[in-house]
């Protein structure tokens, strides 16, 4: 994949093709928690349980920014994932709303 796809300016209707905040977490030797290898530590295990950290405000804000395309400086300049349309589902037949419900644990009906 071209380096240009990774470093180009995010266009309207795009976001990063990143699922790390939903699927991965890095736990450092000292207990620091990082949502991905490109980000600084967001919390420490001595401050809260892993479950509370993963469902906390900072992680929810990060996930929301990736779904909406309102990327912070770190995600905007990430070289790990290319940009993609926000409308393109991660799974066949699944849109942003379903991904958001699954990521936050919300259920319809």
PDB file of N, CA and C in Angstrom:
ATOM      1  N   UNK A   1       0.840  -1.166   0.000  1.00  0.00           N
ATOM      2  CA  UNK A   1       0.000   0.000   0.000  1.00  0.00           C
ATOM      3  C   UNK A   1       0.887   1.231   0.000  1.00  0.00           C
ATOM      4  N   UNK A   2       0.475   2.220  -0.713  1.00  0.00           N
ATOM      5  CA  UNK A   2       1.242   3.445  -0.872  1.00  0.00           C
ATOM      6  C   UNK A   2       1.353   4.223   0.429  1.00  0.00           C
ATOM      7  N   UNK A   3       2.542   4.779   0.679  1.00  0.00           N
ATOM      8  CA  UNK A   3       2.758   5.628   1.856  1.00  0.00           C
ATOM      9  C   UNK A   3       1.834   6.830   1.809  1.00  0.00           C
ATOM     10  N   UNK A   4       1.506   7.280   0.599  1.00  0.00           N
ATOM     11  CA  UNK A   4       0.637   8.441   0.424  1.00  0.00           C
ATOM     12  C   UNK A   4      -0.740   8.211   1.064  1.00  0.00           C
ATOM     13  N   UNK A   5      -1.256   6.990   0.996  1.00  0.00           N
ATOM     14  CA  UNK A   5      -2.545   6.674   1.594  1.00  0.00           C
ATOM     15  C   UNK A   5      -2.509   6.811   3.111  1.00  0.00           C
ATOM     16  N   UNK A   6      -1.373   6.581   3.691  1.00  0.00           N
ATOM     17  CA  UNK A   6      -1.251   6.613   5.142  1.00  0.00           C
ATOM     18  C   UNK A   6      -1.052   8.020   5.699  1.00  0.00           C
ATOM     19  N   UNK A   7      -0.429   8.903   4.919  1.00  0.00           N
ATOM     20  CA  UNK A   7      -0.088  10.219   5.450  1.00  0.00           C
ATOM     21  C   UNK A   7      -0.896  11.347   4.822  1.00  0.00           C
ATOM     22  N   UNK A   8      -1.738  11.055   3.862  1.00  0.00           N
ATOM     23  CA  UNK A   8      -2.538  12.094   3.217  1.00  0.00           C
ATOM     24  C   UNK A   8      -3.533  12.707   4.197  1.00  0.00           C
ATOM     25  N   UNK A   9      -4.019  13.882   3.868  1.00  0.00           N
ATOM     26  CA  UNK A   9      -5.023  14.546   4.706  1.00  0.00           C
ATOM     27  C   UNK A   9      -6.332  13.763   4.648  1.00  0.00           C
ATOM     28  N   UNK A  10      -6.979  13.628   5.780  1.00  0.00           N
ATOM     29  CA  UNK A  10      -8.264  12.945   5.858  1.00  0.00           C
ATOM     30  C   UNK A  10      -9.314  13.801   5.151  1.00  0.00           C
ATOM     31  N   UNK A  11      -9.991  13.236   4.181  1.00  0.00           N
ATOM     32  CA  UNK A  11     -11.022  13.952   3.448  1.00  0.00           C
ATOM     33  C   UNK A  11     -12.362  13.816   4.158  1.00  0.00           C
ATOM     34  N   UNK A  12     -13.276  14.726   3.858  1.00  0.00           N
ATOM     35  CA  UNK A  12     -14.617  14.654   4.445  1.00  0.00           C
ATOM     36  C   UNK A  12     -15.235  13.294   4.104  1.00  0.00           C
ATOM     37  N   UNK A  13     -15.834  12.656   5.085  1.00  0.00           N
ATOM     38  CA  UNK A  13     -16.444  11.344   4.882  1.00  0.00           C
ATOM     39  C   UNK A  13     -15.473  10.197   5.064  1.00  0.00           C
ATOM     40  N   UNK A  14     -14.242  10.495   5.548  1.00  0.00           N
ATOM     41  CA  UNK A  14     -13.251   9.445   5.756  1.00  0.00           C
ATOM     42  C   UNK A  14     -12.846   9.354   7.226  1.00  0.00           C
ATOM     43  N   UNK A  15     -12.234   8.232   7.545  1.00  0.00           N
ATOM     44  CA  UNK A  15     -11.623   8.011   8.858  1.00  0.00           C
ATOM     45  C   UNK A  15     -10.476   7.034   8.646  1.00  0.00           C
ATOM     46  N   UNK A  16      -9.819   6.630   9.690  1.00  0.00           N
ATOM     47  CA  UNK A  16      -8.756   5.620   9.581  1.00  0.00           C
ATOM     48  C   UNK A  16      -9.392   4.237   9.582  1.00  0.00           C
ATOM     49  N   UNK A  17      -8.797   3.335   8.849  1.00  0.00           N
ATOM     50  CA  UNK A  17      -9.252   1.949   8.797  1.00  0.00           C
ATOM     51  C   UNK A  17      -8.631   1.200   9.979  1.00  0.00           C
ATOM     52  N   UNK A  18      -9.033   1.590  11.172  1.00  0.00           N
ATOM     53  CA  UNK A  18      -8.407   1.088  12.398  1.00  0.00           C
ATOM     54  C   UNK A  18      -9.440   0.471  13.335  1.00  0.00           C
ATOM     55  N   UNK A  19      -9.162  -0.741  13.783  1.00  0.00           N
ATOM     56  CA  UNK A  19     -10.044  -1.395  14.746  1.00  0.00           C
ATOM     57  C   UNK A  19      -9.328  -1.684  16.062  1.00  0.00           C
ATOM     58  N   UNK A  20      -8.086  -1.220  16.198  1.00  0.00           N
ATOM     59  CA  UNK A  20      -7.304  -1.512  17.399  1.00  0.00           C
ATOM     60  C   UNK A  20      -8.003  -1.139  18.707  1.00  0.00           C
ATOM     61  N   UNK A  21      -8.660   0.027  18.809  1.00  0.00           N
ATOM     62  CA  UNK A  21      -9.303   0.353  20.094  1.00  0.00           C
ATOM     63  C   UNK A  21     -10.447  -0.587  20.479  1.00  0.00           C
ATOM     64  N   UNK A  22     -10.898  -1.432  19.545  1.00  0.00           N
ATOM     65  CA  UNK A  22     -11.945  -2.418  19.838  1.00  0.00           C
ATOM     66  C   UNK A  22     -11.364  -3.803  20.058  1.00  0.00           C
ATOM     67  N   UNK A  23     -10.164  -4.059  19.511  1.00  0.00           N
ATOM     68  CA  UNK A  23      -9.657  -5.432  19.492  1.00  0.00           C
ATOM     69  C   UNK A  23      -8.375  -5.661  20.269  1.00  0.00           C
ATOM     70  N   UNK A  24      -7.590  -4.621  20.502  1.00  0.00           N
ATOM     71  CA  UNK A  24      -6.271  -4.783  21.101  1.00  0.00           C
ATOM     72  C   UNK A  24      -6.041  -3.785  22.224  1.00  0.00           C
ATOM     73  N   UNK A  25      -5.109  -4.098  23.069  1.00  0.00           N
ATOM     74  CA  UNK A  25      -4.626  -3.175  24.090  1.00  0.00           C
ATOM     75  C   UNK A  25      -3.205  -3.616  24.414  1.00  0.00           C
ATOM     76  N   UNK A  26      -2.350  -2.652  24.676  1.00  0.00           N
ATOM     77  CA  UNK A  26      -0.988  -2.964  25.085  1.00  0.00           C
ATOM     78  C   UNK A  26      -0.848  -2.680  26.573  1.00  0.00           C
ATOM     79  N   UNK A  27      -0.367  -3.662  27.297  1.00  0.00           N
ATOM     80  CA  UNK A  27      -0.097  -3.486  28.723  1.00  0.00           C
ATOM     81  C   UNK A  27       1.420  -3.522  28.882  1.00  0.00           C
ATOM     82  N   UNK A  28       1.975  -2.402  29.271  1.00  0.00           N
ATOM     83  CA  UNK A  28       3.417  -2.267  29.434  1.00  0.00           C
ATOM     84  C   UNK A  28       3.873  -2.959  30.727  1.00  0.00           C
ATOM     85  N   UNK A  29       5.146  -3.247  30.822  1.00  0.00           N
ATOM     86  CA  UNK A  29       5.711  -3.889  32.019  1.00  0.00           C
ATOM     87  C   UNK A  29       5.415  -3.108  33.290  1.00  0.00           C
ATOM     88  N   UNK A  30       5.333  -1.789  33.196  1.00  0.00           N
ATOM     89  CA  UNK A  30       5.105  -0.952  34.372  1.00  0.00           C
ATOM     90  C   UNK A  30       3.623  -0.765  34.698  1.00  0.00           C
ATOM     91  N   UNK A  31       2.722  -1.391  33.898  1.00  0.00           N
ATOM     92  CA  UNK A  31       1.288  -1.294  34.135  1.00  0.00           C
ATOM     93  C   UNK A  31       0.575  -0.240  33.314  1.00  0.00           C
ATOM     94  N   UNK A  32       1.323   0.522  32.511  1.00  0.00           N
ATOM     95  CA  UNK A  32       0.692   1.504  31.625  1.00  0.00           C
ATOM     96  C   UNK A  32      -0.131   0.792  30.560  1.00  0.00           C
ATOM     97  N   UNK A  33      -1.269   1.395  30.215  1.00  0.00           N
ATOM     98  CA  UNK A  33      -2.167   0.857  29.198  1.00  0.00           C
ATOM     99  C   UNK A  33      -2.129   1.759  27.972  1.00  0.00           C
ATOM    100  N   UNK A  34      -1.893   1.157  26.815  1.00  0.00           N
ATOM    101  CA  UNK A  34      -1.904   1.898  25.550  1.00  0.00           C
ATOM    102  C   UNK A  34      -2.950   1.265  24.634  1.00  0.00           C
ATOM    103  N   UNK A  35      -3.828   2.080  24.004  1.00  0.00           N
ATOM    104  CA  UNK A  35      -4.853   1.538  23.108  1.00  0.00           C
ATOM    105  C   UNK A  35      -4.273   0.953  21.826  1.00  0.00           C
ATOM    106  N   UNK A  36      -3.073   1.391  21.432  1.00  0.00           N
ATOM    107  CA  UNK A  36      -2.368   0.833  20.283  1.00  0.00           C
ATOM    108  C   UNK A  36      -0.911   1.242  20.388  1.00  0.00           C
ATOM    109  N   UNK A  37      -0.061   0.706  19.530  1.00  0.00           N
ATOM    110  CA  UNK A  37       1.372   0.991  19.628  1.00  0.00           C
ATOM    111  C   UNK A  37       1.726   2.410  19.203  1.00  0.00           C
ATOM    112  N   UNK A  38       0.811   3.107  18.524  1.00  0.00           N
ATOM    113  CA  UNK A  38       1.078   4.466  18.064  1.00  0.00           C
ATOM    114  C   UNK A  38       0.721   5.527  19.105  1.00  0.00           C
ATOM    115  N   UNK A  39       0.028   5.143  20.159  1.00  0.00           N
ATOM    116  CA  UNK A  39      -0.449   6.116  21.157  1.00  0.00           C
ATOM    117  C   UNK A  39       0.316   6.000  22.467  1.00  0.00           C
ATOM    118  N   UNK A  40       0.366   7.109  23.192  1.00  0.00           N
ATOM    119  CA  UNK A  40       0.959   7.115  24.525  1.00  0.00           C
ATOM    120  C   UNK A  40       0.012   6.405  25.490  1.00  0.00           C
ATOM    121  N   UNK A  41       0.528   6.081  26.647  1.00  0.00           N
ATOM    122  CA  UNK A  41      -0.295   5.437  27.672  1.00  0.00           C
ATOM    123  C   UNK A  41      -1.457   6.343  28.062  1.00  0.00           C
ATOM    124  N   UNK A  42      -2.625   5.738  28.236  1.00  0.00           N
ATOM    125  CA  UNK A  42      -3.821   6.510  28.604  1.00  0.00           C
ATOM    126  C   UNK A  42      -4.185   6.322  30.069  1.00  0.00           C
ATOM    127  N   UNK A  43      -3.751   5.228  30.653  1.00  0.00           N
ATOM    128  CA  UNK A  43      -4.101   4.909  32.044  1.00  0.00           C
ATOM    129  C   UNK A  43      -3.056   3.967  32.613  1.00  0.00           C
ATOM    130  N   UNK A  44      -3.229   3.659  33.876  1.00  0.00           N
ATOM    131  CA  UNK A  44      -2.336   2.724  34.555  1.00  0.00           C
ATOM    132  C   UNK A  44      -3.193   1.736  35.348  1.00  0.00           C
ATOM    133  N   UNK A  45      -2.782   0.492  35.361  1.00  0.00           N
ATOM    134  CA  UNK A  45      -3.567  -0.552  36.027  1.00  0.00           C
ATOM    135  C   UNK A  45      -3.749  -0.330  37.524  1.00  0.00           C
ATOM    136  N   UNK A  46      -2.896   0.455  38.152  1.00  0.00           N
ATOM    137  CA  UNK A  46      -3.079   0.708  39.581  1.00  0.00           C
ATOM    138  C   UNK A  46      -4.222   1.688  39.832  1.00  0.00           C
ATOM    139  N   UNK A  47      -4.648   2.429  38.785  1.00  0.00           N
ATOM    140  CA  UNK A  47      -5.715   3.421  38.933  1.00  0.00           C
ATOM    141  C   UNK A  47      -7.110   2.834  38.738  1.00  0.00           C
ATOM    142  N   UNK A  48      -7.226   1.747  37.980  1.00  0.00           N
ATOM    143  CA  UNK A  48      -8.532   1.147  37.688  1.00  0.00           C
ATOM    144  C   UNK A  48      -8.324  -0.254  37.126  1.00  0.00           C
ATOM    145  N   UNK A  49      -9.397  -1.035  37.122  1.00  0.00           N
ATOM    146  CA  UNK A  49      -9.321  -2.368  36.525  1.00  0.00           C
ATOM    147  C   UNK A  49      -9.237  -2.237  35.004  1.00  0.00           C
ATOM    148  N   UNK A  50      -8.756  -3.270  34.369  1.00  0.00           N
ATOM    149  CA  UNK A  50      -8.653  -3.258  32.916  1.00  0.00           C
ATOM    150  C   UNK A  50     -10.027  -3.059  32.283  1.00  0.00           C
ATOM    151  N   UNK A  51     -11.047  -3.703  32.815  1.00  0.00           N
ATOM    152  CA  UNK A  51     -12.412  -3.552  32.281  1.00  0.00           C
ATOM    153  C   UNK A  51     -12.869  -2.097  32.361  1.00  0.00           C
ATOM    154  N   UNK A  52     -12.601  -1.434  33.494  1.00  0.00           N
ATOM    155  CA  UNK A  52     -13.003  -0.028  33.637  1.00  0.00           C
ATOM    156  C   UNK A  52     -12.219   0.869  32.688  1.00  0.00           C
ATOM    157  N   UNK A  53     -10.954   0.570  32.485  1.00  0.00           N
ATOM    158  CA  UNK A  53     -10.137   1.357  31.554  1.00  0.00           C
ATOM    159  C   UNK A  53     -10.663   1.193  30.126  1.00  0.00           C
ATOM    160  N   UNK A  54     -10.917  -0.042  29.710  1.00  0.00           N
ATOM    161  CA  UNK A  54     -11.365  -0.298  28.340  1.00  0.00           C
ATOM    162  C   UNK A  54     -12.744   0.281  28.055  1.00  0.00           C
ATOM    163  N   UNK A  55     -13.568   0.441  29.081  1.00  0.00           N
ATOM    164  CA  UNK A  55     -14.904   1.013  28.905  1.00  0.00           C
ATOM    165  C   UNK A  55     -14.996   2.438  29.432  1.00  0.00           C
ATOM    166  N   UNK A  56     -13.847   3.025  29.769  1.00  0.00           N
ATOM    167  CA  UNK A  56     -13.819   4.374  30.315  1.00  0.00           C
ATOM    168  C   UNK A  56     -13.973   5.455  29.256  1.00  0.00           C
ATOM    169  N   UNK A  57     -14.073   6.684  29.741  1.00  0.00           N
ATOM    170  CA  UNK A  57     -14.312   7.837  28.865  1.00  0.00           C
ATOM    171  C   UNK A  57     -13.253   7.998  27.781  1.00  0.00           C
ATOM    172  N   UNK A  58     -11.990   7.838  28.139  1.00  0.00           N
ATOM    173  CA  UNK A  58     -10.920   8.067  27.157  1.00  0.00           C
ATOM    174  C   UNK A  58     -10.985   7.063  26.004  1.00  0.00           C
ATOM    175  N   UNK A  59     -11.200   5.795  26.317  1.00  0.00           N
ATOM    176  CA  UNK A  59     -11.298   4.780  25.264  1.00  0.00           C
ATOM    177  C   UNK A  59     -12.567   4.966  24.433  1.00  0.00           C
ATOM    178  N   UNK A  60     -13.671   5.314  25.070  1.00  0.00           N
ATOM    179  CA  UNK A  60     -14.919   5.558  24.332  1.00  0.00           C
ATOM    180  C   UNK A  60     -14.771   6.757  23.399  1.00  0.00           C
ATOM    181  N   UNK A  61     -14.092   7.787  23.860  1.00  0.00           N
ATOM    182  CA  UNK A  61     -13.860   8.971  23.028  1.00  0.00           C
ATOM    183  C   UNK A  61     -13.011   8.607  21.810  1.00  0.00           C
ATOM    184  N   UNK A  62     -11.980   7.805  22.013  1.00  0.00           N
ATOM    185  CA  UNK A  62     -11.131   7.368  20.906  1.00  0.00           C
ATOM    186  C   UNK A  62     -11.935   6.562  19.887  1.00  0.00           C
ATOM    187  N   UNK A  63     -12.730   5.617  20.358  1.00  0.00           N
ATOM    188  CA  UNK A  63     -13.555   4.806  19.453  1.00  0.00           C
ATOM    189  C   UNK A  63     -14.549   5.676  18.687  1.00  0.00           C
ATOM    190  N   UNK A  64     -15.174   6.601  19.394  1.00  0.00           N
ATOM    191  CA  UNK A  64     -16.141   7.496  18.771  1.00  0.00           C
ATOM    192  C   UNK A  64     -15.485   8.347  17.685  1.00  0.00           C
ATOM    193  N   UNK A  65     -14.277   8.826  17.949  1.00  0.00           N
ATOM    194  CA  UNK A  65     -13.583   9.656  16.956  1.00  0.00           C
ATOM    195  C   UNK A  65     -13.268   8.863  15.695  1.00  0.00           C
ATOM    196  N   UNK A  66     -12.940   7.584  15.844  1.00  0.00           N
ATOM    197  CA  UNK A  66     -12.681   6.751  14.676  1.00  0.00           C
ATOM    198  C   UNK A  66     -13.963   6.459  13.899  1.00  0.00           C
ATOM    199  N   UNK A  67     -15.061   6.288  14.588  1.00  0.00           N
ATOM    200  CA  UNK A  67     -16.331   6.058  13.898  1.00  0.00           C
ATOM    201  C   UNK A  67     -16.817   7.313  13.173  1.00  0.00           C
ATOM    202  N   UNK A  68     -16.606   8.467  13.784  1.00  0.00           N
ATOM    203  CA  UNK A  68     -17.130   9.720  13.218  1.00  0.00           C
ATOM    204  C   UNK A  68     -16.185  10.375  12.223  1.00  0.00           C
ATOM    205  N   UNK A  69     -14.900  10.047  12.291  1.00  0.00           N
ATOM    206  CA  UNK A  69     -13.919  10.707  11.427  1.00  0.00           C
ATOM    207  C   UNK A  69     -13.358  11.976  12.031  1.00  0.00           C
ATOM    208  N   UNK A  70     -13.717  12.289  13.277  1.00  0.00           N
ATOM    209  CA  UNK A  70     -13.164  13.455  13.980  1.00  0.00           C
ATOM    210  C   UNK A  70     -11.878  13.016  14.689  1.00  0.00           C
ATOM    211  N   UNK A  71     -10.826  12.829  13.909  1.00  0.00           N
ATOM    212  CA  UNK A  71      -9.589  12.244  14.407  1.00  0.00           C
ATOM    213  C   UNK A  71      -8.733  13.245  15.161  1.00  0.00           C
ATOM    214  N   UNK A  72      -8.114  12.782  16.239  1.00  0.00           N
ATOM    215  CA  UNK A  72      -7.164  13.626  16.960  1.00  0.00           C
ATOM    216  C   UNK A  72      -5.832  13.603  16.204  1.00  0.00           C
ATOM    217  N   UNK A  73      -4.867  14.357  16.712  1.00  0.00           N
ATOM    218  CA  UNK A  73      -3.570  14.498  16.037  1.00  0.00           C
ATOM    219  C   UNK A  73      -2.882  13.141  15.842  1.00  0.00           C
ATOM    220  N   UNK A  74      -2.915  12.292  16.855  1.00  0.00           N
ATOM    221  CA  UNK A  74      -2.247  10.993  16.770  1.00  0.00           C
ATOM    222  C   UNK A  74      -2.845  10.123  15.674  1.00  0.00           C
ATOM    223  N   UNK A  75      -4.161  10.006  15.638  1.00  0.00           N
ATOM    224  CA  UNK A  75      -4.809   9.183  14.610  1.00  0.00           C
ATOM    225  C   UNK A  75      -4.669   9.812  13.219  1.00  0.00           C
ATOM    226  N   UNK A  76      -4.769  11.129  13.137  1.00  0.00           N
ATOM    227  CA  UNK A  76      -4.652  11.805  11.853  1.00  0.00           C
ATOM    228  C   UNK A  76      -3.288  11.553  11.224  1.00  0.00           C
ATOM    229  N   UNK A  77      -2.248  11.478  12.047  1.00  0.00           N
ATOM    230  CA  UNK A  77      -0.886  11.320  11.538  1.00  0.00           C
ATOM    231  C   UNK A  77      -0.368   9.890  11.617  1.00  0.00           C
ATOM    232  N   UNK A  78      -1.234   8.946  11.933  1.00  0.00           N
ATOM    233  CA  UNK A  78      -0.840   7.547  12.046  1.00  0.00           C
ATOM    234  C   UNK A  78      -0.351   7.004  10.700  1.00  0.00           C
ATOM    235  N   UNK A  79       0.719   6.248  10.745  1.00  0.00           N
ATOM    236  CA  UNK A  79       1.257   5.632   9.529  1.00  0.00           C
ATOM    237  C   UNK A  79       0.902   4.142   9.447  1.00  0.00           C
ATOM    238  N   UNK A  80       0.147   3.643  10.417  1.00  0.00           N
ATOM    239  CA  UNK A  80      -0.158   2.216  10.460  1.00  0.00           C
ATOM    240  C   UNK A  80      -1.383   1.831   9.647  1.00  0.00           C
ATOM    241  N   UNK A  81      -2.385   2.722   9.595  1.00  0.00           N
ATOM    242  CA  UNK A  81      -3.643   2.391   8.932  1.00  0.00           C
ATOM    243  C   UNK A  81      -3.990   3.448   7.884  1.00  0.00           C
ATOM    244  N   UNK A  82      -4.480   3.008   6.712  1.00  0.00           N
ATOM    245  CA  UNK A  82      -4.875   3.974   5.680  1.00  0.00           C
ATOM    246  C   UNK A  82      -6.236   4.593   6.005  1.00  0.00           C
ATOM    247  N   UNK A  83      -6.561   5.644   5.292  1.00  0.00           N
ATOM    248  CA  UNK A  83      -7.888   6.230   5.396  1.00  0.00           C
ATOM    249  C   UNK A  83      -8.874   5.357   4.633  1.00  0.00           C
ATOM    250  N   UNK A  84     -10.134   5.436   5.021  1.00  0.00           N
ATOM    251  CA  UNK A  84     -11.212   4.733   4.324  1.00  0.00           C
ATOM    252  C   UNK A  84     -12.484   5.531   4.502  1.00  0.00           C
ATOM    253  N   UNK A  85     -13.475   5.217   3.709  1.00  0.00           N
ATOM    254  CA  UNK A  85     -14.776   5.857   3.828  1.00  0.00           C
ATOM    255  C   UNK A  85     -15.422   5.442   5.142  1.00  0.00           C
ATOM    256  N   UNK A  86     -16.065   6.402   5.828  1.00  0.00           N
ATOM    257  CA  UNK A  86     -16.788   6.067   7.065  1.00  0.00           C
ATOM    258  C   UNK A  86     -17.968   5.167   6.768  1.00  0.00           C
ATOM    259  N   UNK A  87     -18.475   5.203   5.552  1.00  0.00           N
ATOM    260  CA  UNK A  87     -19.669   4.434   5.202  1.00  0.00           C
ATOM    261  C   UNK A  87     -19.358   2.976   4.918  1.00  0.00           C
ATOM    262  N   UNK A  88     -18.098   2.645   4.656  1.00  0.00           N
ATOM    263  CA  UNK A  88     -17.745   1.261   4.363  1.00  0.00           C
ATOM    264  C   UNK A  88     -17.751   0.448   5.650  1.00  0.00           C
ATOM    265  N   UNK A  89     -18.556  -0.602   5.716  1.00  0.00           N
ATOM    266  CA  UNK A  89     -18.629  -1.406   6.939  1.00  0.00           C
ATOM    267  C   UNK A  89     -17.378  -2.241   7.146  1.00  0.00           C
ATOM    268  N   UNK A  90     -17.084  -2.548   8.410  1.00  0.00           N
ATOM    269  CA  UNK A  90     -15.982  -3.452   8.737  1.00  0.00           C
ATOM    270  C   UNK A  90     -16.344  -4.886   8.394  1.00  0.00           C
ATOM    271  N   UNK A  91     -17.622  -5.214   8.564  1.00  0.00           N
ATOM    272  CA  UNK A  91     -18.103  -6.551   8.218  1.00  0.00           C
ATOM    273  C   UNK A  91     -19.153  -6.399   7.136  1.00  0.00           C
ATOM    274  N   UNK A  92     -19.247  -7.385   6.285  1.00  0.00           N
ATOM    275  CA  UNK A  92     -20.217  -7.325   5.195  1.00  0.00           C
ATOM    276  C   UNK A  92     -21.622  -7.096   5.736  1.00  0.00           C
ATOM    277  N   UNK A  93     -22.292  -6.089   5.195  1.00  0.00           N
ATOM    278  CA  UNK A  93     -23.661  -5.799   5.580  1.00  0.00           C
ATOM    279  C   UNK A  93     -23.806  -5.059   6.889  1.00  0.00           C
ATOM    280  N   UNK A  94     -22.707  -4.584   7.466  1.00  0.00           N
ATOM    281  CA  UNK A  94     -22.779  -3.930   8.764  1.00  0.00           C
ATOM    282  C   UNK A  94     -22.319  -2.487   8.638  1.00  0.00           C
ATOM    283  N   UNK A  95     -23.102  -1.566   9.125  1.00  0.00           N
ATOM    284  CA  UNK A  95     -22.767  -0.154   9.053  1.00  0.00           C
ATOM    285  C   UNK A  95     -22.196   0.371  10.348  1.00  0.00           C
ATOM    286  N   UNK A  96     -21.936   1.660  10.370  1.00  0.00           N
ATOM    287  CA  UNK A  96     -21.332   2.322  11.527  1.00  0.00           C
ATOM    288  C   UNK A  96     -22.174   2.148  12.777  1.00  0.00           C
ATOM    289  N   UNK A  97     -23.503   2.248  12.654  1.00  0.00           N
ATOM    290  CA  UNK A  97     -24.363   2.145  13.833  1.00  0.00           C
ATOM    291  C   UNK A  97     -24.221   0.788  14.512  1.00  0.00           C
ATOM    292  N   UNK A  98     -24.181  -0.287  13.735  1.00  0.00           N
ATOM    293  CA  UNK A  98     -24.053  -1.622  14.310  1.00  0.00           C
ATOM    294  C   UNK A  98     -22.684  -1.806  14.949  1.00  0.00           C
ATOM    295  N   UNK A  99     -21.627  -1.274  14.304  1.00  0.00           N
ATOM    296  CA  UNK A  99     -20.287  -1.372  14.890  1.00  0.00           C
ATOM    297  C   UNK A  99     -20.247  -0.610  16.207  1.00  0.00           C
ATOM    298  N   UNK A 100     -20.878   0.547  16.229  1.00  0.00           N
ATOM    299  CA  UNK A 100     -20.890   1.364  17.435  1.00  0.00           C
ATOM    300  C   UNK A 100     -21.626   0.646  18.567  1.00  0.00           C
ATOM    301  N   UNK A 101     -22.774   0.059  18.273  1.00  0.00           N
ATOM    302  CA  UNK A 101     -23.530  -0.671  19.294  1.00  0.00           C
ATOM    303  C   UNK A 101     -22.717  -1.841  19.825  1.00  0.00           C
ATOM    304  N   UNK A 102     -22.046  -2.565  18.916  1.00  0.00           N
ATOM    305  CA  UNK A 102     -21.248  -3.710  19.332  1.00  0.00           C
ATOM    306  C   UNK A 102     -20.072  -3.243  20.184  1.00  0.00           C
ATOM    307  N   UNK A 103     -19.425  -2.140  19.790  1.00  0.00           N
ATOM    308  CA  UNK A 103     -18.252  -1.640  20.519  1.00  0.00           C
ATOM    309  C   UNK A 103     -18.626  -1.142  21.913  1.00  0.00           C
ATOM    310  N   UNK A 104     -19.794  -0.562  22.050  1.00  0.00           N
ATOM    311  CA  UNK A 104     -20.187  -0.003  23.334  1.00  0.00           C
ATOM    312  C   UNK A 104     -21.034  -0.958  24.159  1.00  0.00           C
ATOM    313  N   UNK A 105     -21.407  -2.103  23.560  1.00  0.00           N
ATOM    314  CA  UNK A 105     -22.211  -3.085  24.279  1.00  0.00           C
ATOM    315  C   UNK A 105     -23.686  -2.776  24.279  1.00  0.00           C
ATOM    316  N   UNK A 106     -24.125  -1.785  23.492  1.00  0.00           N
ATOM    317  CA  UNK A 106     -25.535  -1.442  23.441  1.00  0.00           C
ATOM    318  C   UNK A 106     -26.275  -2.389  22.514  1.00  0.00           C
ATOM    319  N   UNK A 107     -27.477  -2.688  22.847  1.00  0.00           N
ATOM    320  CA  UNK A 107     -28.309  -3.580  22.037  1.00  0.00           C
ATOM    321  C   UNK A 107     -29.571  -2.853  21.627  1.00  0.00           C
ATOM    322  N   UNK A 108     -30.091  -3.177  20.462  1.00  0.00           N
ATOM    323  CA  UNK A 108     -31.349  -2.585  20.001  1.00  0.00           C
ATOM    324  C   UNK A 108     -32.524  -3.412  20.528  1.00  0.00           C
ATOM    325  N   UNK A 109     -33.621  -2.699  20.768  1.00  0.00           N
ATOM    326  CA  UNK A 109     -34.875  -3.359  21.126  1.00  0.00           C
ATOM    327  C   UNK A 109     -34.859  -4.017  22.403  1.00  0.00           C
TER     328      UNK A 109
END
